[in-house]
Amino acid sequence: MIMTNSTIYSLFKKGSKTYFYSTLFFPKKVKEEVFILYSFLRKADDYVDAIPQDAEGFYSFQERYKEARKGHHTGDVVVDSFAQLSRDKNFDEKWTQAFLKSMEMDITKTQYQDLDELLTYLYGSSEVVGLFMAKIMGLSPDSYPAARYLGRAMQYINFIRDINEDLDLGRVYFPQEDLERYGLGSLQPEEARKNPEGFRSFVNKQLDTYLDWQAKAEAGFKYIPYRYLIPVKTASDLYKWTGTQIRKDPQVVFQRKVKPSLPKIVTNVFTNSLRLGFN
């Protein structure tokens, strides 16, 4: 196994604070593998989320992965490390291809008409992440449906939190039929201010969807060993906290990025360590 290097570390750290600090509480070997996984995901995401978008960089990244998958050394430590991890953990190659397909959708697609259409994107962008994590933790295949729900739920609360940020990228990650249902012509701040009750109802519906998926994910926590469950539950708890803050005032998504503080993350880890240790 390739040890975590500075490139992999920095890529992960500059991404999700919740994921990063929660991951620090995994055992050393699992932590290193999670860092490799998320640096690969983050690097692909950075290409398609760049302003202006770096489509050429993404396709070059994709080609490097194809070469690394064949066993060739590409010189890209992120790609080479992930390819090695994929072999070590026997990842299903269909999962990686689904992820890359969803990243490509971010180049070609800006909105989704209904939930079924969105779920195609969510499978590759987030559900397979849950499957990768289940493999890294050595979980039973019985856990895979819940793992998919957990990835999907975490991605969806990120969509809700990042409404304003995604607008800057020209994207709306919610069913257009939901906007129409609540009388919203768009999710632009001025539209939300013009129709505050419609916007509140729209956001609450998305939060309800997230919580439904999160509940289905938590039903699978029974498959996760105690030492691995602490960081997983911590990340889940903190995303639920994010949802609670947004529900209080949905307009907050236009004012700031709702994120837990580092002390809150550490406190949650400590609380979960005690609580789960007594169960």
C-alpha atoms as a PDB file:
ATOM      1  CA  MET A   1       0.000   0.000   0.000  1.00  0.00           C
ATOM      2  CA  ILE A   2       1.262   3.465  -0.917  1.00  0.00           C
ATOM      3  CA  MET A   3       1.628   5.658   2.151  1.00  0.00           C
ATOM      4  CA  THR A   4      -0.282   8.936   2.244  1.00  0.00           C
ATOM      5  CA  ASN A   5       1.868  11.621   0.639  1.00  0.00           C
ATOM      6  CA  SER A   6       1.561  15.395   0.712  1.00  0.00           C
ATOM      7  CA  THR A   7      -0.371  15.653  -2.579  1.00  0.00           C
ATOM      8  CA  ILE A   8      -2.990  13.133  -1.499  1.00  0.00           C
ATOM      9  CA  TYR A   9      -3.205  14.694   1.964  1.00  0.00           C
ATOM     10  CA  SER A  10      -3.635  18.252   0.715  1.00  0.00           C
ATOM     11  CA  LEU A  11      -6.211  17.319  -1.925  1.00  0.00           C
ATOM     12  CA  PHE A  12      -8.402  15.660   0.668  1.00  0.00           C
ATOM     13  CA  LYS A  13      -7.920  18.340   3.313  1.00  0.00           C
ATOM     14  CA  LYS A  14      -8.959  21.187   1.023  1.00  0.00           C
ATOM     15  CA  GLY A  15     -12.197  19.349   0.229  1.00  0.00           C
ATOM     16  CA  SER A  16     -14.815  18.485   2.830  1.00  0.00           C
ATOM     17  CA  LYS A  17     -13.864  19.477   6.371  1.00  0.00           C
ATOM     18  CA  THR A  18     -16.422  17.024   7.782  1.00  0.00           C
ATOM     19  CA  TYR A  19     -15.081  14.077   5.766  1.00  0.00           C
ATOM     20  CA  PHE A  20     -11.456  14.993   6.405  1.00  0.00           C
ATOM     21  CA  TYR A  21     -11.578  15.358  10.179  1.00  0.00           C
ATOM     22  CA  SER A  22     -13.921  12.404  10.611  1.00  0.00           C
ATOM     23  CA  THR A  23     -11.547  10.225   8.595  1.00  0.00           C
ATOM     24  CA  LEU A  24      -8.675  11.035  10.956  1.00  0.00           C
ATOM     25  CA  PHE A  25     -10.345   8.787  13.521  1.00  0.00           C
ATOM     26  CA  PHE A  26     -10.168   5.644  11.400  1.00  0.00           C
ATOM     27  CA  PRO A  27      -7.399   3.142  12.196  1.00  0.00           C
ATOM     28  CA  LYS A  28      -4.141   3.999  10.359  1.00  0.00           C
ATOM     29  CA  LYS A  29      -4.422   1.579   7.424  1.00  0.00           C
ATOM     30  CA  VAL A  30      -8.068   2.393   6.713  1.00  0.00           C
ATOM     31  CA  LYS A  31      -7.340   6.099   7.060  1.00  0.00           C
ATOM     32  CA  GLU A  32      -4.571   5.895   4.436  1.00  0.00           C
ATOM     33  CA  GLU A  33      -6.879   4.050   2.049  1.00  0.00           C
ATOM     34  CA  VAL A  34      -9.688   6.552   2.536  1.00  0.00           C
ATOM     35  CA  PHE A  35      -7.263   9.402   1.850  1.00  0.00           C
ATOM     36  CA  ILE A  36      -6.269   7.758  -1.449  1.00  0.00           C
ATOM     37  CA  LEU A  37      -9.904   7.214  -2.414  1.00  0.00           C
ATOM     38  CA  TYR A  38     -11.020  10.761  -1.662  1.00  0.00           C
ATOM     39  CA  SER A  39      -8.005  12.387  -3.307  1.00  0.00           C
ATOM     40  CA  PHE A  40      -8.947  10.578  -6.538  1.00  0.00           C
ATOM     41  CA  LEU A  41     -12.574  11.676  -6.233  1.00  0.00           C
ATOM     42  CA  ARG A  42     -11.582  15.228  -5.363  1.00  0.00           C
ATOM     43  CA  LYS A  43      -9.113  15.588  -8.215  1.00  0.00           C
ATOM     44  CA  ALA A  44     -11.711  14.506 -10.792  1.00  0.00           C
ATOM     45  CA  ASP A  45     -14.266  16.832  -9.213  1.00  0.00           C
ATOM     46  CA  ASP A  46     -11.841  19.765  -9.227  1.00  0.00           C
ATOM     47  CA  TYR A  47     -11.479  19.565 -13.013  1.00  0.00           C
ATOM     48  CA  VAL A  48     -15.215  19.759 -13.677  1.00  0.00           C
ATOM     49  CA  ASP A  49     -15.852  22.338 -10.945  1.00  0.00           C
ATOM     50  CA  ALA A  50     -13.106  24.714 -12.054  1.00  0.00           C
ATOM     51  CA  ILE A  51     -14.072  28.156 -13.336  1.00  0.00           C
ATOM     52  CA  PRO A  52     -13.607  28.056 -16.267  1.00  0.00           C
ATOM     53  CA  GLN A  53     -14.271  24.344 -16.418  1.00  0.00           C
ATOM     54  CA  ASP A  54     -11.225  22.230 -17.291  1.00  0.00           C
ATOM     55  CA  ALA A  55     -12.805  19.572 -19.511  1.00  0.00           C
ATOM     56  CA  GLU A  56      -9.488  18.857 -21.217  1.00  0.00           C
ATOM     57  CA  GLY A  57      -7.863  18.262 -17.825  1.00  0.00           C
ATOM     58  CA  PHE A  58     -10.642  15.876 -16.838  1.00  0.00           C
ATOM     59  CA  TYR A  59     -10.373  13.799 -20.008  1.00  0.00           C
ATOM     60  CA  SER A  60      -6.593  13.661 -19.604  1.00  0.00           C
ATOM     61  CA  PHE A  61      -7.116  12.484 -16.008  1.00  0.00           C
ATOM     62  CA  GLN A  62      -9.489   9.817 -17.303  1.00  0.00           C
ATOM     63  CA  GLU A  63      -6.879   8.622 -19.821  1.00  0.00           C
ATOM     64  CA  ARG A  64      -4.226   8.426 -17.100  1.00  0.00           C
ATOM     65  CA  TYR A  65      -6.549   6.266 -15.064  1.00  0.00           C
ATOM     66  CA  LYS A  66      -7.050   3.912 -18.026  1.00  0.00           C
ATOM     67  CA  GLU A  67      -3.288   3.502 -18.264  1.00  0.00           C
ATOM     68  CA  ALA A  68      -2.880   3.011 -14.516  1.00  0.00           C
ATOM     69  CA  ARG A  69      -5.656   0.451 -14.563  1.00  0.00           C
ATOM     70  CA  LYS A  70      -3.600  -1.558 -17.079  1.00  0.00           C
ATOM     71  CA  GLY A  71      -0.729  -1.555 -14.582  1.00  0.00           C
ATOM     72  CA  HIS A  72       1.268   1.283 -16.161  1.00  0.00           C
ATOM     73  CA  HIS A  73       2.938   3.934 -14.010  1.00  0.00           C
ATOM     74  CA  THR A  74       1.584   7.352 -15.046  1.00  0.00           C
ATOM     75  CA  GLY A  75       3.548   9.573 -12.684  1.00  0.00           C
ATOM     76  CA  ASP A  76       0.285  10.955 -11.263  1.00  0.00           C
ATOM     77  CA  VAL A  77       0.469   9.846  -7.629  1.00  0.00           C
ATOM     78  CA  VAL A  78      -3.277  10.286  -7.128  1.00  0.00           C
ATOM     79  CA  VAL A  79      -4.205   8.127 -10.119  1.00  0.00           C
ATOM     80  CA  ASP A  80      -1.485   5.538  -9.549  1.00  0.00           C
ATOM     81  CA  SER A  81      -2.352   5.205  -5.870  1.00  0.00           C
ATOM     82  CA  PHE A  82      -6.051   4.783  -6.581  1.00  0.00           C
ATOM     83  CA  ALA A  83      -5.388   2.180  -9.280  1.00  0.00           C
ATOM     84  CA  GLN A  84      -3.275   0.228  -6.799  1.00  0.00           C
ATOM     85  CA  LEU A  85      -5.947   0.579  -4.099  1.00  0.00           C
ATOM     86  CA  SER A  86      -8.560  -0.616  -6.587  1.00  0.00           C
ATOM     87  CA  ARG A  87      -6.529  -3.761  -7.214  1.00  0.00           C
ATOM     88  CA  ASP A  88      -5.786  -4.313  -3.528  1.00  0.00           C
ATOM     89  CA  LYS A  89      -9.439  -3.983  -2.490  1.00  0.00           C
ATOM     90  CA  ASN A  90     -10.903  -5.603  -5.608  1.00  0.00           C
ATOM     91  CA  PHE A  91     -13.144  -2.632  -6.395  1.00  0.00           C
ATOM     92  CA  ASP A  92     -15.749  -3.350  -9.048  1.00  0.00           C
ATOM     93  CA  GLU A  93     -14.504  -1.437 -12.096  1.00  0.00           C
ATOM     94  CA  LYS A  94     -18.120  -0.587 -12.940  1.00  0.00           C
ATOM     95  CA  TRP A  95     -18.176   1.607  -9.829  1.00  0.00           C
ATOM     96  CA  THR A  96     -15.228   3.678 -11.003  1.00  0.00           C
ATOM     97  CA  GLN A  97     -16.655   3.976 -14.505  1.00  0.00           C
ATOM     98  CA  ALA A  98     -19.991   5.125 -13.057  1.00  0.00           C
ATOM     99  CA  PHE A  99     -18.145   7.772 -11.050  1.00  0.00           C
ATOM    100  CA  LEU A 100     -16.265   9.035 -14.093  1.00  0.00           C
ATOM    101  CA  LYS A 101     -19.490   9.069 -16.115  1.00  0.00           C
ATOM    102  CA  SER A 102     -21.197  11.266 -13.513  1.00  0.00           C
ATOM    103  CA  MET A 103     -18.203  13.628 -13.471  1.00  0.00           C
ATOM    104  CA  GLU A 104     -18.507  13.869 -17.250  1.00  0.00           C
ATOM    105  CA  MET A 105     -22.201  14.710 -16.818  1.00  0.00           C
ATOM    106  CA  ASP A 106     -21.060  17.807 -14.925  1.00  0.00           C
ATOM    107  CA  ILE A 107     -19.416  18.919 -18.161  1.00  0.00           C
ATOM    108  CA  THR A 108     -22.438  18.285 -20.372  1.00  0.00           C
ATOM    109  CA  LYS A 109     -25.503  18.642 -18.128  1.00  0.00           C
ATOM    110  CA  THR A 110     -26.747  21.519 -15.966  1.00  0.00           C
ATOM    111  CA  GLN A 111     -30.195  20.422 -14.732  1.00  0.00           C
ATOM    112  CA  TYR A 112     -32.420  17.392 -14.135  1.00  0.00           C
ATOM    113  CA  GLN A 113     -36.098  17.193 -14.966  1.00  0.00           C
ATOM    114  CA  ASP A 114     -37.128  14.642 -12.352  1.00  0.00           C
ATOM    115  CA  LEU A 115     -35.762  12.509  -9.524  1.00  0.00           C
ATOM    116  CA  ASP A 116     -35.264   9.440 -11.710  1.00  0.00           C
ATOM    117  CA  GLU A 117     -32.958  11.404 -13.975  1.00  0.00           C
ATOM    118  CA  LEU A 118     -31.092  12.817 -10.981  1.00  0.00           C
ATOM    119  CA  LEU A 119     -30.653   9.361  -9.457  1.00  0.00           C
ATOM    120  CA  THR A 120     -28.573   8.312 -12.462  1.00  0.00           C
ATOM    121  CA  TYR A 121     -26.134  11.087 -11.615  1.00  0.00           C
ATOM    122  CA  LEU A 122     -26.271  10.360  -7.881  1.00  0.00           C
ATOM    123  CA  TYR A 123     -25.381   6.707  -8.361  1.00  0.00           C
ATOM    124  CA  GLY A 124     -22.028   7.529  -9.952  1.00  0.00           C
ATOM    125  CA  SER A 125     -21.236  10.662  -7.997  1.00  0.00           C
ATOM    126  CA  SER A 126     -22.071   9.378  -4.524  1.00  0.00           C
ATOM    127  CA  GLU A 127     -23.608   5.917  -4.152  1.00  0.00           C
ATOM    128  CA  VAL A 128     -20.477   4.237  -5.490  1.00  0.00           C
ATOM    129  CA  VAL A 129     -18.483   6.180  -2.891  1.00  0.00           C
ATOM    130  CA  GLY A 130     -20.464   4.346  -0.232  1.00  0.00           C
ATOM    131  CA  LEU A 131     -19.622   1.086  -2.000  1.00  0.00           C
ATOM    132  CA  PHE A 132     -15.911   1.951  -2.152  1.00  0.00           C
ATOM    133  CA  MET A 133     -15.994   2.717   1.582  1.00  0.00           C
ATOM    134  CA  ALA A 134     -17.769  -0.558   2.351  1.00  0.00           C
ATOM    135  CA  LYS A 135     -15.021  -2.419   0.481  1.00  0.00           C
ATOM    136  CA  ILE A 136     -12.266  -0.527   2.298  1.00  0.00           C
ATOM    137  CA  MET A 137     -13.839  -1.397   5.647  1.00  0.00           C
ATOM    138  CA  GLY A 138     -14.308  -5.012   4.578  1.00  0.00           C
ATOM    139  CA  LEU A 139     -18.060  -4.960   5.166  1.00  0.00           C
ATOM    140  CA  SER A 140     -20.470  -7.689   4.160  1.00  0.00           C
ATOM    141  CA  PRO A 141     -22.238  -7.248   0.807  1.00  0.00           C
ATOM    142  CA  ASP A 142     -25.422  -7.161   2.918  1.00  0.00           C
ATOM    143  CA  SER A 143     -24.341  -3.625   3.859  1.00  0.00           C
ATOM    144  CA  TYR A 144     -24.133  -2.387   0.266  1.00  0.00           C
ATOM    145  CA  PRO A 145     -27.722  -1.086  -0.115  1.00  0.00           C
ATOM    146  CA  ALA A 146     -27.294   1.020   3.045  1.00  0.00           C
ATOM    147  CA  ALA A 147     -23.839   2.136   1.902  1.00  0.00           C
ATOM    148  CA  ARG A 148     -25.370   3.432  -1.311  1.00  0.00           C
ATOM    149  CA  TYR A 149     -28.044   5.321   0.619  1.00  0.00           C
ATOM    150  CA  LEU A 150     -25.404   6.886   2.853  1.00  0.00           C
ATOM    151  CA  GLY A 151     -23.404   8.144  -0.111  1.00  0.00           C
ATOM    152  CA  ARG A 152     -26.567   9.445  -1.751  1.00  0.00           C
ATOM    153  CA  ALA A 153     -27.805  11.166   1.404  1.00  0.00           C
ATOM    154  CA  MET A 154     -24.489  12.907   2.085  1.00  0.00           C
ATOM    155  CA  GLN A 155     -24.293  14.135  -1.485  1.00  0.00           C
ATOM    156  CA  TYR A 156     -27.841  15.463  -1.332  1.00  0.00           C
ATOM    157  CA  ILE A 157     -27.320  17.496   1.828  1.00  0.00           C
ATOM    158  CA  ASN A 158     -24.236  18.926   0.125  1.00  0.00           C
ATOM    159  CA  PHE A 159     -26.420  19.926  -2.829  1.00  0.00           C
ATOM    160  CA  ILE A 160     -28.799  21.717  -0.459  1.00  0.00           C
ATOM    161  CA  ARG A 161     -25.968  23.437   1.409  1.00  0.00           C
ATOM    162  CA  ASP A 162     -24.221  24.425  -1.844  1.00  0.00           C
ATOM    163  CA  ILE A 163     -27.207  25.797  -3.796  1.00  0.00           C
ATOM    164  CA  ASN A 164     -25.562  29.183  -4.228  1.00  0.00           C
ATOM    165  CA  GLU A 165     -22.137  27.766  -5.065  1.00  0.00           C
ATOM    166  CA  ASP A 166     -23.606  25.458  -7.708  1.00  0.00           C
ATOM    167  CA  LEU A 167     -25.496  28.353  -9.278  1.00  0.00           C
ATOM    168  CA  ASP A 168     -22.100  29.959  -9.934  1.00  0.00           C
ATOM    169  CA  LEU A 169     -21.217  26.780 -11.851  1.00  0.00           C
ATOM    170  CA  GLY A 170     -24.478  27.009 -13.798  1.00  0.00           C
ATOM    171  CA  ARG A 171     -25.913  23.861 -12.222  1.00  0.00           C
ATOM    172  CA  VAL A 172     -29.097  22.915 -10.360  1.00  0.00           C
ATOM    173  CA  TYR A 173     -28.997  19.467  -8.742  1.00  0.00           C
ATOM    174  CA  PHE A 174     -32.704  19.195  -7.952  1.00  0.00           C
ATOM    175  CA  PRO A 175     -35.691  17.984  -9.958  1.00  0.00           C
ATOM    176  CA  GLN A 176     -37.010  20.845 -12.057  1.00  0.00           C
ATOM    177  CA  GLU A 177     -40.514  19.575 -11.355  1.00  0.00           C
ATOM    178  CA  ASP A 178     -39.963  20.430  -7.674  1.00  0.00           C
ATOM    179  CA  LEU A 179     -39.121  24.035  -8.541  1.00  0.00           C
ATOM    180  CA  GLU A 180     -42.278  24.253 -10.617  1.00  0.00           C
ATOM    181  CA  ARG A 181     -44.343  22.702  -7.816  1.00  0.00           C
ATOM    182  CA  TYR A 182     -43.382  25.531  -5.452  1.00  0.00           C
ATOM    183  CA  GLY A 183     -43.656  28.334  -7.984  1.00  0.00           C
ATOM    184  CA  LEU A 184     -39.928  28.918  -8.397  1.00  0.00           C
ATOM    185  CA  GLY A 185     -38.669  30.003 -11.793  1.00  0.00           C
ATOM    186  CA  SER A 186     -35.115  29.323 -10.622  1.00  0.00           C
ATOM    187  CA  LEU A 187     -33.052  29.018  -7.435  1.00  0.00           C
ATOM    188  CA  GLN A 188     -31.447  32.423  -7.853  1.00  0.00           C
ATOM    189  CA  PRO A 189     -31.353  34.491  -4.619  1.00  0.00           C
ATOM    190  CA  GLU A 190     -33.720  37.124  -5.999  1.00  0.00           C
ATOM    191  CA  GLU A 191     -36.264  34.437  -6.893  1.00  0.00           C
ATOM    192  CA  ALA A 192     -36.014  32.977  -3.377  1.00  0.00           C
ATOM    193  CA  ARG A 193     -36.497  36.426  -1.833  1.00  0.00           C
ATOM    194  CA  LYS A 194     -39.480  37.115  -4.093  1.00  0.00           C
ATOM    195  CA  ASN A 195     -41.131  33.826  -3.077  1.00  0.00           C
ATOM    196  CA  PRO A 196     -39.774  33.052   0.420  1.00  0.00           C
ATOM    197  CA  GLU A 197     -42.510  30.586   1.373  1.00  0.00           C
ATOM    198  CA  GLY A 198     -42.163  28.725  -1.894  1.00  0.00           C
ATOM    199  CA  PHE A 199     -38.391  28.551  -1.413  1.00  0.00           C
ATOM    200  CA  ARG A 200     -38.769  27.390   2.196  1.00  0.00           C
ATOM    201  CA  SER A 201     -41.198  24.660   1.145  1.00  0.00           C
ATOM    202  CA  PHE A 202     -38.891  23.618  -1.675  1.00  0.00           C
ATOM    203  CA  VAL A 203     -35.862  23.349   0.623  1.00  0.00           C
ATOM    204  CA  ASN A 204     -37.863  21.519   3.284  1.00  0.00           C
ATOM    205  CA  LYS A 205     -38.950  18.947   0.709  1.00  0.00           C
ATOM    206  CA  GLN A 206     -35.320  18.358  -0.280  1.00  0.00           C
ATOM    207  CA  LEU A 207     -34.344  18.052   3.393  1.00  0.00           C
ATOM    208  CA  ASP A 208     -37.125  15.501   3.911  1.00  0.00           C
ATOM    209  CA  THR A 209     -35.786  13.507   0.964  1.00  0.00           C
ATOM    210  CA  TYR A 210     -32.293  13.645   2.442  1.00  0.00           C
ATOM    211  CA  LEU A 211     -33.520  12.477   5.867  1.00  0.00           C
ATOM    212  CA  ASP A 212     -35.443   9.587   4.335  1.00  0.00           C
ATOM    213  CA  TRP A 213     -32.297   8.365   2.578  1.00  0.00           C
ATOM    214  CA  GLN A 214     -30.223   8.997   5.697  1.00  0.00           C
ATOM    215  CA  ALA A 215     -32.577   6.865   7.812  1.00  0.00           C
ATOM    216  CA  LYS A 216     -32.237   4.001   5.317  1.00  0.00           C
ATOM    217  CA  ALA A 217     -28.470   4.388   5.474  1.00  0.00           C
ATOM    218  CA  GLU A 218     -28.412   4.285   9.270  1.00  0.00           C
ATOM    219  CA  ALA A 219     -30.318   1.003   9.225  1.00  0.00           C
ATOM    220  CA  GLY A 220     -27.084  -0.450   7.845  1.00  0.00           C
ATOM    221  CA  PHE A 221     -24.850   0.845  10.646  1.00  0.00           C
ATOM    222  CA  LYS A 222     -25.266  -2.535  12.323  1.00  0.00           C
ATOM    223  CA  TYR A 223     -22.856  -3.948   9.724  1.00  0.00           C
ATOM    224  CA  ILE A 224     -20.050  -1.545  10.664  1.00  0.00           C
ATOM    225  CA  PRO A 225     -17.575  -2.544  13.418  1.00  0.00           C
ATOM    226  CA  TYR A 226     -17.346  -0.182  16.381  1.00  0.00           C
ATOM    227  CA  ARG A 227     -13.905   1.249  15.505  1.00  0.00           C
ATOM    228  CA  TYR A 228     -15.070   2.130  11.993  1.00  0.00           C
ATOM    229  CA  LEU A 229     -18.526   3.274  13.038  1.00  0.00           C
ATOM    230  CA  ILE A 230     -17.254   6.231  15.082  1.00  0.00           C
ATOM    231  CA  PRO A 231     -16.019   8.307  12.082  1.00  0.00           C
ATOM    232  CA  VAL A 232     -18.916   7.180   9.868  1.00  0.00           C
ATOM    233  CA  LYS A 233     -21.542   8.130  12.445  1.00  0.00           C
ATOM    234  CA  THR A 234     -19.718  11.375  13.198  1.00  0.00           C
ATOM    235  CA  ALA A 235     -19.900  12.443   9.540  1.00  0.00           C
ATOM    236  CA  SER A 236     -23.575  11.439   9.420  1.00  0.00           C
ATOM    237  CA  ASP A 237     -24.399  13.353  12.599  1.00  0.00           C
ATOM    238  CA  LEU A 238     -22.679  16.483  11.371  1.00  0.00           C
ATOM    239  CA  TYR A 239     -24.498  16.434   8.067  1.00  0.00           C
ATOM    240  CA  LYS A 240     -27.785  16.101   9.939  1.00  0.00           C
ATOM    241  CA  TRP A 241     -26.722  19.111  12.011  1.00  0.00           C
ATOM    242  CA  THR A 242     -26.132  21.004   8.750  1.00  0.00           C
ATOM    243  CA  GLY A 243     -29.639  20.112   7.613  1.00  0.00           C
ATOM    244  CA  THR A 244     -31.100  21.319  10.910  1.00  0.00           C
ATOM    245  CA  GLN A 245     -29.381  24.689  10.560  1.00  0.00           C
ATOM    246  CA  ILE A 246     -30.629  25.147   7.005  1.00  0.00           C
ATOM    247  CA  ARG A 247     -34.205  24.190   7.928  1.00  0.00           C
ATOM    248  CA  LYS A 248     -34.247  27.000  10.502  1.00  0.00           C
ATOM    249  CA  ASP A 249     -33.623  29.558   7.771  1.00  0.00           C
ATOM    250  CA  PRO A 250     -33.304  28.236   4.186  1.00  0.00           C
ATOM    251  CA  GLN A 251     -32.123  31.654   2.972  1.00  0.00           C
ATOM    252  CA  VAL A 252     -28.869  31.020   4.847  1.00  0.00           C
ATOM    253  CA  VAL A 253     -27.594  29.068   1.811  1.00  0.00           C
ATOM    254  CA  PHE A 254     -27.216  32.404   0.020  1.00  0.00           C
ATOM    255  CA  GLN A 255     -25.340  33.997   2.923  1.00  0.00           C
ATOM    256  CA  ARG A 256     -22.718  31.435   3.934  1.00  0.00           C
ATOM    257  CA  LYS A 257     -21.658  27.817   3.652  1.00  0.00           C
ATOM    258  CA  VAL A 258     -23.144  26.010   6.647  1.00  0.00           C
ATOM    259  CA  LYS A 259     -20.344  23.859   8.075  1.00  0.00           C
ATOM    260  CA  PRO A 260     -19.581  22.504  11.556  1.00  0.00           C
ATOM    261  CA  SER A 261     -16.605  23.945  13.390  1.00  0.00           C
ATOM    262  CA  LEU A 262     -13.575  21.827  14.203  1.00  0.00           C
ATOM    263  CA  PRO A 263     -14.413  21.816  17.956  1.00  0.00           C
ATOM    264  CA  LYS A 264     -17.915  20.565  17.087  1.00  0.00           C
ATOM    265  CA  ILE A 265     -16.452  17.758  14.985  1.00  0.00           C
ATOM    266  CA  VAL A 266     -14.050  16.678  17.742  1.00  0.00           C
ATOM    267  CA  THR A 267     -16.785  16.855  20.391  1.00  0.00           C
ATOM    268  CA  ASN A 268     -19.040  14.696  18.236  1.00  0.00           C
ATOM    269  CA  VAL A 269     -16.277  12.104  17.797  1.00  0.00           C
ATOM    270  CA  PHE A 270     -15.742  11.987  21.568  1.00  0.00           C
ATOM    271  CA  THR A 271     -19.478  11.689  22.250  1.00  0.00           C
ATOM    272  CA  ASN A 272     -19.886   8.895  19.719  1.00  0.00           C
ATOM    273  CA  SER A 273     -16.857   7.086  21.134  1.00  0.00           C
ATOM    274  CA  LEU A 274     -18.469   7.032  24.559  1.00  0.00           C
ATOM    275  CA  ARG A 275     -22.001   6.316  23.388  1.00  0.00           C
ATOM    276  CA  LEU A 276     -21.107   3.521  20.977  1.00  0.00           C
ATOM    277  CA  GLY A 277     -18.658   2.038  23.449  1.00  0.00           C
ATOM    278  CA  PHE A 278     -21.468   1.448  25.929  1.00  0.00           C
ATOM    279  CA  ASN A 279     -23.798  -0.151  23.370  1.00  0.00           C
END
